[in-house]
Amino acid sequence: MHTLTATAIAVLSAFSVQFGYAQNNPVAGNGGASAPDDWLLTPKGPKWWYQTIPSPQPKALNVRSAKAAEQTVINEARTLMANRPAKAFALLDGDNVLHTEFKAPADANSLFFGFSMGKTVTAMAVGRAICAGKLSLQTKASELIPKLQGKALGEATVHDLLRMSSGTAQINADSTIWNKEQVQDWRVGLLNLEDLVSSDPVTQAARGVFSTYKPGEVFAYKSTDPLTLGIMVSRATNTPWNQWIQEQVLNPMGAAHAGLYVQDRAQNGLADSGMRLRLEDWMRFAVWVKESSKQQDCFGDFVRTAMSKQIANGTTPATRKNGKLFASYGYLTWTDNDIAPNTAWAVGWGGQRIGWNKGNDRMVLVFSNEEAWLGDAYVLAKNWGQLQ
């Protein structure tokens, strides 16, 4: 996500030194978030990761020629691809693909790591569980994760967690919650994610000026909330998270190719990120979310809510620790972009984006090595969304 204020970084750095926590995600030379090719485009992972499979009914994506006004915006995208650290671009109008472009070593067969775009994937999976009657917005974390009973995180509801308002602490400056030793354990398959979200200081309430925060009081962007939701859904549905993602997201969206989903050896999913797909299947996800948002049913209501303001991101831009160009947050999805009005965004570390225009069917997808230039992509999304 976006760079924190100097004050916030100093506070979090002091916390990190004291407790052995640190910046875990890569950064560019300018200090901004980055996604080097060996992170963004890794084609395979450890044997315990889940290999996703194509949907029984792959979604057809249509290709159509651009109109004159559309071609102008496509040319803008080509200019950005040539002059920015982008690795892939796509412009859609509903299920019509008007432009795709790659920069080596990325190509149509690459698996793109969405980083925190996976949070929006998690939101959709949670919505499917709610609409299946497996849990509700008011279900508390401790009801499904006994290890959280008596802990501050255990009092957070599904609604709180979807809005990043569990009331627990932001531990690392990059929104991750593991320390250096846990990172090493994770890399060799020794870390259990349920143990992680049940441990201190992850479960502890964050402290405000006068007292600790209660669930629902403040927005604080971090991995704790989506990771907890993934475990809750798995327990509520009595289904491994990877299978719930496969059956309730990848199958209905019509994935056409195999992908990867990151998980621990116990099949607890890395629900704050996790998903690696080809660009065309990320497009299918975007189209499925857009089409679902038009349905007059439980899931349609959920998606529309997810893509609208549920909690403010600071009182002013200067007070935003994360998501500097977003005034609010929906359900694990960013809303109220300062540059591109009436849009909702799946946002990933280092410049990964899906942008939905809520007034029409225009969508923008970007994968990148760096975050710093994404303001230009928001301008392009604004221009794309203004087309008739």
Foldseek 3Di string as FASTA:
>chain_A
DFAFDPVVQVVLVVLCVVVQAEDDADADPVRFFFQDCCRFFPADADPLWDKFFFAPFADDAAEDEDDPLRVVLVVLVVVCVVPAQFAWKWKDFQSYTHDIDGDPPDDQPTWGFQAQLLLVLLLLLLLVCVQVVLDHQAQFLCVQQVLLPPFQLRNAGNVLLQFQQSQADQNYLVQEQDGPVLVVCVRVQNDALSVSCSDPPNRHGPADPPGGDHRPPAHDRHQNSQLSSLSSSCRSVVHQSVVSSNVRQNNVLRGDGMWIFDHGNVSRGSSSTGTIGRPVSVVSSLSSLLVLCPDPDSSVVSSVQQQDFDHFQDPDLNNHRPPSQAGGGGRSWTARGNQAHQWIWSHRTAPFIWIARNVGRIIMTIGGRHDPPCVSVSNSSNSRNVDD
